[in-house]
Amino acid sequence: DKFRSLMGSLYGIAGLAHAADCYFGQSQLLVAAGSPPVSDLPPIGQGLVALWCAAGPVAFVASCWKGIVADIGLLFYGAVEVVSAAVL
């Protein structure tokens, strides 16, 4: 459970940092990865970015439940991260 808790906390912080960058900053991470800023993405891309940013806090909350719920939260974050990287 220590690993789940650690990863949930890190993913939660990452999601908040991504949201701050995408919605209040210059979308540095997206641009560095070759994607346009979030404001220039089509609606489906903007929705995917919103899901990406929300996945971190969701993983954090799930990690507080421990066990299989924590595992599902971490897997969810990982899946969103991989799909986002492939699509954006």
PDB file of N, CA and C in Angstrom:
ATOM      1  N   ASP A   1       0.810  -1.208   0.000  1.00  0.00           N
ATOM      2  CA  ASP A   1       0.000   0.000   0.000  1.00  0.00           C
ATOM      3  C   ASP A   1       0.853   1.272   0.000  1.00  0.00           C
ATOM      4  N   LYS A   2       2.100   1.177   0.461  1.00  0.00           N
ATOM      5  CA  LYS A   2       2.966   2.356   0.447  1.00  0.00           C
ATOM      6  C   LYS A   2       3.237   2.816  -0.984  1.00  0.00           C
ATOM      7  N   PHE A   3       3.471   1.847  -1.873  1.00  0.00           N
ATOM      8  CA  PHE A   3       3.709   2.192  -3.278  1.00  0.00           C
ATOM      9  C   PHE A   3       2.471   2.845  -3.880  1.00  0.00           C
ATOM     10  N   ARG A   4       1.303   2.272  -3.627  1.00  0.00           N
ATOM     11  CA  ARG A   4       0.057   2.847  -4.155  1.00  0.00           C
ATOM     12  C   ARG A   4      -0.136   4.269  -3.647  1.00  0.00           C
ATOM     13  N   SER A   5       0.123   4.465  -2.372  1.00  0.00           N
ATOM     14  CA  SER A   5      -0.033   5.789  -1.775  1.00  0.00           C
ATOM     15  C   SER A   5       0.947   6.784  -2.387  1.00  0.00           C
ATOM     16  N   LEU A   6       2.197   6.369  -2.539  1.00  0.00           N
ATOM     17  CA  LEU A   6       3.206   7.240  -3.138  1.00  0.00           C
ATOM     18  C   LEU A   6       2.822   7.606  -4.562  1.00  0.00           C
ATOM     19  N   MET A   7       2.491   6.614  -5.375  1.00  0.00           N
ATOM     20  CA  MET A   7       2.171   6.876  -6.773  1.00  0.00           C
ATOM     21  C   MET A   7       0.895   7.708  -6.902  1.00  0.00           C
ATOM     22  N   GLY A   8      -0.093   7.438  -6.054  1.00  0.00           N
ATOM     23  CA  GLY A   8      -1.318   8.233  -6.077  1.00  0.00           C
ATOM     24  C   GLY A   8      -1.034   9.689  -5.762  1.00  0.00           C
ATOM     25  N   SER A   9      -0.170   9.923  -4.778  1.00  0.00           N
ATOM     26  CA  SER A   9       0.200  11.298  -4.432  1.00  0.00           C
ATOM     27  C   SER A   9       0.948  11.972  -5.581  1.00  0.00           C
ATOM     28  N   LEU A  10       1.902  11.256  -6.168  1.00  0.00           N
ATOM     29  CA  LEU A  10       2.664  11.825  -7.282  1.00  0.00           C
ATOM     30  C   LEU A  10       1.775  12.103  -8.488  1.00  0.00           C
ATOM     31  N   TYR A  11       0.876  11.176  -8.804  1.00  0.00           N
ATOM     32  CA  TYR A  11      -0.034  11.391  -9.925  1.00  0.00           C
ATOM     33  C   TYR A  11      -0.985  12.553  -9.648  1.00  0.00           C
ATOM     34  N   GLY A  12      -1.427  12.682  -8.400  1.00  0.00           N
ATOM     35  CA  GLY A  12      -2.301  13.799  -8.045  1.00  0.00           C
ATOM     36  C   GLY A  12      -1.606  15.133  -8.260  1.00  0.00           C
ATOM     37  N   ILE A  13      -0.369  15.233  -7.796  1.00  0.00           N
ATOM     38  CA  ILE A  13       0.407  16.459  -7.987  1.00  0.00           C
ATOM     39  C   ILE A  13       0.649  16.711  -9.475  1.00  0.00           C
ATOM     40  N   ALA A  14       0.977  15.654 -10.207  1.00  0.00           N
ATOM     41  CA  ALA A  14       1.222  15.808 -11.650  1.00  0.00           C
ATOM     42  C   ALA A  14      -0.020  16.325 -12.366  1.00  0.00           C
ATOM     43  N   GLY A  15      -1.173  15.782 -12.027  1.00  0.00           N
ATOM     44  CA  GLY A  15      -2.410  16.231 -12.667  1.00  0.00           C
ATOM     45  C   GLY A  15      -2.689  17.699 -12.415  1.00  0.00           C
ATOM     46  N   LEU A  16      -2.466  18.136 -11.180  1.00  0.00           N
ATOM     47  CA  LEU A  16      -2.669  19.548 -10.856  1.00  0.00           C
ATOM     48  C   LEU A  16      -1.646  20.431 -11.570  1.00  0.00           C
ATOM     49  N   ALA A  17      -0.407  19.952 -11.655  1.00  0.00           N
ATOM     50  CA  ALA A  17       0.627  20.705 -12.367  1.00  0.00           C
ATOM     51  C   ALA A  17       0.304  20.793 -13.855  1.00  0.00           C
ATOM     52  N   HIS A  18      -0.170  19.694 -14.430  1.00  0.00           N
ATOM     53  CA  HIS A  18      -0.559  19.713 -15.849  1.00  0.00           C
ATOM     54  C   HIS A  18      -1.706  20.700 -16.071  1.00  0.00           C
ATOM     55  N   ALA A  19      -2.684  20.696 -15.175  1.00  0.00           N
ATOM     56  CA  ALA A  19      -3.821  21.610 -15.310  1.00  0.00           C
ATOM     57  C   ALA A  19      -3.365  23.063 -15.221  1.00  0.00           C
ATOM     58  N   ALA A  20      -2.493  23.355 -14.265  1.00  0.00           N
ATOM     59  CA  ALA A  20      -1.987  24.722 -14.132  1.00  0.00           C
ATOM     60  C   ALA A  20      -1.254  25.151 -15.402  1.00  0.00           C
ATOM     61  N   ASP A  21      -0.433  24.263 -15.942  1.00  0.00           N
ATOM     62  CA  ASP A  21       0.312  24.578 -17.159  1.00  0.00           C
ATOM     63  C   ASP A  21      -0.618  24.756 -18.354  1.00  0.00           C
ATOM     64  N   CYS A  22      -1.578  23.844 -18.503  1.00  0.00           N
ATOM     65  CA  CYS A  22      -2.451  23.871 -19.684  1.00  0.00           C
ATOM     66  C   CYS A  22      -3.458  25.020 -19.659  1.00  0.00           C
ATOM     67  N   TYR A  23      -3.992  25.336 -18.473  1.00  0.00           N
ATOM     68  CA  TYR A  23      -5.078  26.312 -18.415  1.00  0.00           C
ATOM     69  C   TYR A  23      -4.656  27.696 -17.911  1.00  0.00           C
ATOM     70  N   PHE A  24      -3.528  27.777 -17.226  1.00  0.00           N
ATOM     71  CA  PHE A  24      -3.075  29.070 -16.726  1.00  0.00           C
ATOM     72  C   PHE A  24      -1.689  29.435 -17.254  1.00  0.00           C
ATOM     73  N   GLY A  25      -1.069  28.517 -17.955  1.00  0.00           N
ATOM     74  CA  GLY A  25       0.277  28.741 -18.471  1.00  0.00           C
ATOM     75  C   GLY A  25       0.304  28.679 -19.984  1.00  0.00           C
ATOM     76  N   GLN A  26       1.428  28.247 -20.505  1.00  0.00           N
ATOM     77  CA  GLN A  26       1.662  28.217 -21.945  1.00  0.00           C
ATOM     78  C   GLN A  26       1.554  26.820 -22.548  1.00  0.00           C
ATOM     79  N   SER A  27       1.044  25.857 -21.804  1.00  0.00           N
ATOM     80  CA  SER A  27       0.973  24.456 -22.259  1.00  0.00           C
ATOM     81  C   SER A  27       2.365  23.937 -22.627  1.00  0.00           C
ATOM     82  N   GLN A  28       3.345  24.237 -21.781  1.00  0.00           N
ATOM     83  CA  GLN A  28       4.742  23.902 -22.057  1.00  0.00           C
ATOM     84  C   GLN A  28       4.952  22.418 -22.341  1.00  0.00           C
ATOM     85  N   LEU A  29       4.344  21.559 -21.546  1.00  0.00           N
ATOM     86  CA  LEU A  29       4.554  20.123 -21.732  1.00  0.00           C
ATOM     87  C   LEU A  29       3.967  19.646 -23.056  1.00  0.00           C
ATOM     88  N   LEU A  30       2.769  20.104 -23.378  1.00  0.00           N
ATOM     89  CA  LEU A  30       2.165  19.718 -24.663  1.00  0.00           C
ATOM     90  C   LEU A  30       3.027  20.211 -25.830  1.00  0.00           C
ATOM     91  N   VAL A  31       3.447  21.446 -25.765  1.00  0.00           N
ATOM     92  CA  VAL A  31       4.248  22.034 -26.849  1.00  0.00           C
ATOM     93  C   VAL A  31       5.589  21.313 -26.975  1.00  0.00           C
ATOM     94  N   ALA A  32       6.211  21.003 -25.839  1.00  0.00           N
ATOM     95  CA  ALA A  32       7.494  20.287 -25.867  1.00  0.00           C
ATOM     96  C   ALA A  32       7.351  18.907 -26.484  1.00  0.00           C
ATOM     97  N   ALA A  33       6.168  18.323 -26.361  1.00  0.00           N
ATOM     98  CA  ALA A  33       5.913  16.998 -26.920  1.00  0.00           C
ATOM     99  C   ALA A  33       5.468  17.076 -28.385  1.00  0.00           C
ATOM    100  N   GLY A  34       5.383  18.289 -28.937  1.00  0.00           N
ATOM    101  CA  GLY A  34       5.022  18.443 -30.341  1.00  0.00           C
ATOM    102  C   GLY A  34       3.555  18.720 -30.592  1.00  0.00           C
ATOM    103  N   SER A  35       2.791  18.931 -29.560  1.00  0.00           N
ATOM    104  CA  SER A  35       1.366  19.227 -29.681  1.00  0.00           C
ATOM    105  C   SER A  35       1.152  20.728 -29.616  1.00  0.00           C
ATOM    106  N   PRO A  36       0.093  21.222 -30.212  1.00  0.00           N
ATOM    107  CA  PRO A  36      -0.209  22.649 -30.043  1.00  0.00           C
ATOM    108  C   PRO A  36      -0.701  22.925 -28.618  1.00  0.00           C
ATOM    109  N   PRO A  37      -0.719  24.184 -28.209  1.00  0.00           N
ATOM    110  CA  PRO A  37      -1.284  24.524 -26.898  1.00  0.00           C
ATOM    111  C   PRO A  37      -2.742  24.069 -26.804  1.00  0.00           C
ATOM    112  N   VAL A  38      -3.204  23.847 -25.600  1.00  0.00           N
ATOM    113  CA  VAL A  38      -4.549  23.303 -25.402  1.00  0.00           C
ATOM    114  C   VAL A  38      -5.612  24.170 -26.075  1.00  0.00           C
ATOM    115  N   SER A  39      -5.421  25.473 -26.079  1.00  0.00           N
ATOM    116  CA  SER A  39      -6.418  26.363 -26.690  1.00  0.00           C
ATOM    117  C   SER A  39      -6.511  26.191 -28.200  1.00  0.00           C
ATOM    118  N   ASP A  40      -5.482  25.639 -28.828  1.00  0.00           N
ATOM    119  CA  ASP A  40      -5.478  25.430 -30.276  1.00  0.00           C
ATOM    120  C   ASP A  40      -5.907  24.024 -30.684  1.00  0.00           C
ATOM    121  N   LEU A  41      -6.164  23.166 -29.717  1.00  0.00           N
ATOM    122  CA  LEU A  41      -6.594  21.802 -30.022  1.00  0.00           C
ATOM    123  C   LEU A  41      -8.068  21.783 -30.404  1.00  0.00           C
ATOM    124  N   PRO A  42      -8.482  20.810 -31.214  1.00  0.00           N
ATOM    125  CA  PRO A  42      -9.913  20.656 -31.486  1.00  0.00           C
ATOM    126  C   PRO A  42     -10.630  20.238 -30.194  1.00  0.00           C
ATOM    127  N   PRO A  43     -11.955  20.345 -30.161  1.00  0.00           N
ATOM    128  CA  PRO A  43     -12.698  20.017 -28.938  1.00  0.00           C
ATOM    129  C   PRO A  43     -12.381  18.636 -28.362  1.00  0.00           C
ATOM    130  N   ILE A  44     -12.200  17.635 -29.201  1.00  0.00           N
ATOM    131  CA  ILE A  44     -11.890  16.298 -28.688  1.00  0.00           C
ATOM    132  C   ILE A  44     -10.522  16.298 -28.002  1.00  0.00           C
ATOM    133  N   GLY A  45      -9.571  17.030 -28.549  1.00  0.00           N
ATOM    134  CA  GLY A  45      -8.251  17.145 -27.933  1.00  0.00           C
ATOM    135  C   GLY A  45      -8.312  17.892 -26.613  1.00  0.00           C
ATOM    136  N   GLN A  46      -9.112  18.947 -26.565  1.00  0.00           N
ATOM    137  CA  GLN A  46      -9.281  19.696 -25.323  1.00  0.00           C
ATOM    138  C   GLN A  46      -9.924  18.830 -24.249  1.00  0.00           C
ATOM    139  N   GLY A  47     -10.873  17.992 -24.656  1.00  0.00           N
ATOM    140  CA  GLY A  47     -11.501  17.070 -23.712  1.00  0.00           C
ATOM    141  C   GLY A  47     -10.513  16.040 -23.191  1.00  0.00           C
ATOM    142  N   LEU A  48      -9.657  15.573 -24.064  1.00  0.00           N
ATOM    143  CA  LEU A  48      -8.644  14.600 -23.653  1.00  0.00           C
ATOM    144  C   LEU A  48      -7.643  15.234 -22.677  1.00  0.00           C
ATOM    145  N   VAL A  49      -7.291  16.491 -22.922  1.00  0.00           N
ATOM    146  CA  VAL A  49      -6.400  17.194 -21.992  1.00  0.00           C
ATOM    147  C   VAL A  49      -7.082  17.350 -20.636  1.00  0.00           C
ATOM    148  N   ALA A  50      -8.364  17.689 -20.638  1.00  0.00           N
ATOM    149  CA  ALA A  50      -9.100  17.818 -19.372  1.00  0.00           C
ATOM    150  C   ALA A  50      -9.124  16.480 -18.630  1.00  0.00           C
ATOM    151  N   LEU A  51      -9.341  15.391 -19.358  1.00  0.00           N
ATOM    152  CA  LEU A  51      -9.327  14.059 -18.750  1.00  0.00           C
ATOM    153  C   LEU A  51      -7.943  13.742 -18.198  1.00  0.00           C
ATOM    154  N   TRP A  52      -6.908  14.088 -18.947  1.00  0.00           N
ATOM    155  CA  TRP A  52      -5.525  13.868 -18.534  1.00  0.00           C
ATOM    156  C   TRP A  52      -5.235  14.604 -17.229  1.00  0.00           C
ATOM    157  N   CYS A  53      -5.671  15.866 -17.155  1.00  0.00           N
ATOM    158  CA  CYS A  53      -5.444  16.653 -15.937  1.00  0.00           C
ATOM    159  C   CYS A  53      -6.240  16.103 -14.750  1.00  0.00           C
ATOM    160  N   ALA A  54      -7.443  15.616 -15.007  1.00  0.00           N
ATOM    161  CA  ALA A  54      -8.294  15.085 -13.933  1.00  0.00           C
ATOM    162  C   ALA A  54      -7.850  13.702 -13.473  1.00  0.00           C
ATOM    163  N   ALA A  55      -7.175  12.961 -14.329  1.00  0.00           N
ATOM    164  CA  ALA A  55      -6.783  11.589 -13.992  1.00  0.00           C
ATOM    165  C   ALA A  55      -5.859  11.530 -12.786  1.00  0.00           C
ATOM    166  N   GLY A  56      -5.007  12.532 -12.617  1.00  0.00           N
ATOM    167  CA  GLY A  56      -4.095  12.553 -11.474  1.00  0.00           C
ATOM    168  C   GLY A  56      -4.826  12.650 -10.145  1.00  0.00           C
ATOM    169  N   PRO A  57      -5.701  13.658  -9.972  1.00  0.00           N
ATOM    170  CA  PRO A  57      -6.469  13.718  -8.731  1.00  0.00           C
ATOM    171  C   PRO A  57      -7.373  12.497  -8.514  1.00  0.00           C
ATOM    172  N   VAL A  58      -7.911  11.935  -9.592  1.00  0.00           N
ATOM    173  CA  VAL A  58      -8.711  10.714  -9.459  1.00  0.00           C
ATOM    174  C   VAL A  58      -7.846   9.575  -8.921  1.00  0.00           C
ATOM    175  N   ALA A  59      -6.631   9.440  -9.456  1.00  0.00           N
ATOM    176  CA  ALA A  59      -5.713   8.398  -8.975  1.00  0.00           C
ATOM    177  C   ALA A  59      -5.352   8.629  -7.514  1.00  0.00           C
ATOM    178  N   PHE A  60      -5.181   9.889  -7.127  1.00  0.00           N
ATOM    179  CA  PHE A  60      -4.872  10.195  -5.728  1.00  0.00           C
ATOM    180  C   PHE A  60      -6.010   9.765  -4.813  1.00  0.00           C
ATOM    181  N   VAL A  61      -7.228  10.149  -5.149  1.00  0.00           N
ATOM    182  CA  VAL A  61      -8.380   9.785  -4.317  1.00  0.00           C
ATOM    183  C   VAL A  61      -8.529   8.273  -4.249  1.00  0.00           C
ATOM    184  N   ALA A  62      -8.371   7.608  -5.382  1.00  0.00           N
ATOM    185  CA  ALA A  62      -8.479   6.143  -5.400  1.00  0.00           C
ATOM    186  C   ALA A  62      -7.397   5.504  -4.542  1.00  0.00           C
ATOM    187  N   SER A  63      -6.202   6.096  -4.517  1.00  0.00           N
ATOM    188  CA  SER A  63      -5.112   5.512  -3.732  1.00  0.00           C
ATOM    189  C   SER A  63      -5.384   5.594  -2.232  1.00  0.00           C
ATOM    190  N   CYS A  64      -6.239   6.500  -1.833  1.00  0.00           N
ATOM    191  CA  CYS A  64      -6.607   6.612  -0.418  1.00  0.00           C
ATOM    192  C   CYS A  64      -7.496   5.453   0.030  1.00  0.00           C
ATOM    193  N   TRP A  65      -8.143   4.783  -0.914  1.00  0.00           N
ATOM    194  CA  TRP A  65      -9.033   3.664  -0.600  1.00  0.00           C
ATOM    195  C   TRP A  65      -8.266   2.366  -0.412  1.00  0.00           C
ATOM    196  N   LYS A  66      -7.061   2.303  -0.924  1.00  0.00           N
ATOM    197  CA  LYS A  66      -6.198   1.120  -0.824  1.00  0.00           C
ATOM    198  C   LYS A  66      -6.698  -0.025  -1.717  1.00  0.00           C
ATOM    199  N   GLY A  67      -5.934  -1.092  -1.754  1.00  0.00           N
ATOM    200  CA  GLY A  67      -6.308  -2.322  -2.456  1.00  0.00           C
ATOM    201  C   GLY A  67      -6.637  -2.140  -3.918  1.00  0.00           C
ATOM    202  N   ILE A  68      -7.644  -2.864  -4.362  1.00  0.00           N
ATOM    203  CA  ILE A  68      -8.014  -2.903  -5.774  1.00  0.00           C
ATOM    204  C   ILE A  68      -8.475  -1.543  -6.288  1.00  0.00           C
ATOM    205  N   VAL A  69      -9.121  -0.758  -5.438  1.00  0.00           N
ATOM    206  CA  VAL A  69      -9.556   0.576  -5.863  1.00  0.00           C
ATOM    207  C   VAL A  69      -8.338   1.437  -6.199  1.00  0.00           C
ATOM    208  N   ALA A  70      -7.317   1.366  -5.367  1.00  0.00           N
ATOM    209  CA  ALA A  70      -6.080   2.105  -5.637  1.00  0.00           C
ATOM    210  C   ALA A  70      -5.444   1.624  -6.934  1.00  0.00           C
ATOM    211  N   ASP A  71      -5.420   0.315  -7.135  1.00  0.00           N
ATOM    212  CA  ASP A  71      -4.847  -0.238  -8.364  1.00  0.00           C
ATOM    213  C   ASP A  71      -5.588   0.269  -9.596  1.00  0.00           C
ATOM    214  N   ILE A  72      -6.904   0.291  -9.525  1.00  0.00           N
ATOM    215  CA  ILE A  72      -7.712   0.763 -10.658  1.00  0.00           C
ATOM    216  C   ILE A  72      -7.418   2.238 -10.933  1.00  0.00           C
ATOM    217  N   GLY A  73      -7.280   3.042  -9.883  1.00  0.00           N
ATOM    218  CA  GLY A  73      -6.958   4.454 -10.063  1.00  0.00           C
ATOM    219  C   GLY A  73      -5.615   4.660 -10.737  1.00  0.00           C
ATOM    220  N   LEU A  74      -4.619   3.882 -10.307  1.00  0.00           N
ATOM    221  CA  LEU A  74      -3.287   4.000 -10.915  1.00  0.00           C
ATOM    222  C   LEU A  74      -3.297   3.514 -12.360  1.00  0.00           C
ATOM    223  N   LEU A  75      -4.010   2.429 -12.618  1.00  0.00           N
ATOM    224  CA  LEU A  75      -4.122   1.927 -13.992  1.00  0.00           C
ATOM    225  C   LEU A  75      -4.860   2.921 -14.888  1.00  0.00           C
ATOM    226  N   PHE A  76      -5.885   3.536 -14.336  1.00  0.00           N
ATOM    227  CA  PHE A  76      -6.633   4.550 -15.084  1.00  0.00           C
ATOM    228  C   PHE A  76      -5.709   5.696 -15.491  1.00  0.00           C
ATOM    229  N   TYR A  77      -4.924   6.197 -14.541  1.00  0.00           N
ATOM    230  CA  TYR A  77      -3.994   7.278 -14.846  1.00  0.00           C
ATOM    231  C   TYR A  77      -3.014   6.848 -15.938  1.00  0.00           C
ATOM    232  N   GLY A  78      -2.458   5.662 -15.793  1.00  0.00           N
ATOM    233  CA  GLY A  78      -1.508   5.169 -16.786  1.00  0.00           C
ATOM    234  C   GLY A  78      -2.123   5.048 -18.167  1.00  0.00           C
ATOM    235  N   ALA A  79      -3.348   4.539 -18.228  1.00  0.00           N
ATOM    236  CA  ALA A  79      -4.026   4.388 -19.520  1.00  0.00           C
ATOM    237  C   ALA A  79      -4.288   5.748 -20.163  1.00  0.00           C
ATOM    238  N   VAL A  80      -4.750   6.701 -19.371  1.00  0.00           N
ATOM    239  CA  VAL A  80      -5.006   8.046 -19.901  1.00  0.00           C
ATOM    240  C   VAL A  80      -3.705   8.669 -20.391  1.00  0.00           C
ATOM    241  N   GLU A  81      -2.641   8.481 -19.639  1.00  0.00           N
ATOM    242  CA  GLU A  81      -1.330   9.041 -20.014  1.00  0.00           C
ATOM    243  C   GLU A  81      -0.854   8.465 -21.353  1.00  0.00           C
ATOM    244  N   VAL A  82      -0.968   7.166 -21.525  1.00  0.00           N
ATOM    245  CA  VAL A  82      -0.490   6.507 -22.749  1.00  0.00           C
ATOM    246  C   VAL A  82      -1.363   6.908 -23.944  1.00  0.00           C
ATOM    247  N   VAL A  83      -2.675   6.883 -23.767  1.00  0.00           N
ATOM    248  CA  VAL A  83      -3.568   7.247 -24.864  1.00  0.00           C
ATOM    249  C   VAL A  83      -3.370   8.714 -25.245  1.00  0.00           C
ATOM    250  N   SER A  84      -3.233   9.568 -24.249  1.00  0.00           N
ATOM    251  CA  SER A  84      -3.003  10.995 -24.532  1.00  0.00           C
ATOM    252  C   SER A  84      -1.717  11.221 -25.307  1.00  0.00           C
ATOM    253  N   ALA A  85      -0.677  10.534 -24.898  1.00  0.00           N
ATOM    254  CA  ALA A  85       0.609  10.666 -25.604  1.00  0.00           C
ATOM    255  C   ALA A  85       0.496  10.193 -27.049  1.00  0.00           C
ATOM    256  N   ALA A  86      -0.261   9.141 -27.278  1.00  0.00           N
ATOM    257  CA  ALA A  86      -0.411   8.604 -28.632  1.00  0.00           C
ATOM    258  C   ALA A  86      -1.269   9.509 -29.514  1.00  0.00           C
ATOM    259  N   VAL A  87      -2.282  10.116 -28.931  1.00  0.00           N
ATOM    260  CA  VAL A  87      -3.247  10.904 -29.707  1.00  0.00           C
ATOM    261  C   VAL A  87      -2.807  12.349 -29.882  1.00  0.00           C
ATOM    262  N   LEU A  88      -2.298  12.935 -28.812  1.00  0.00           N
ATOM    263  CA  LEU A  88      -1.928  14.351 -28.884  1.00  0.00           C
ATOM    264  C   LEU A  88      -0.531  14.485 -29.430  1.00  0.00           C
TER     265      LEU A  88
END
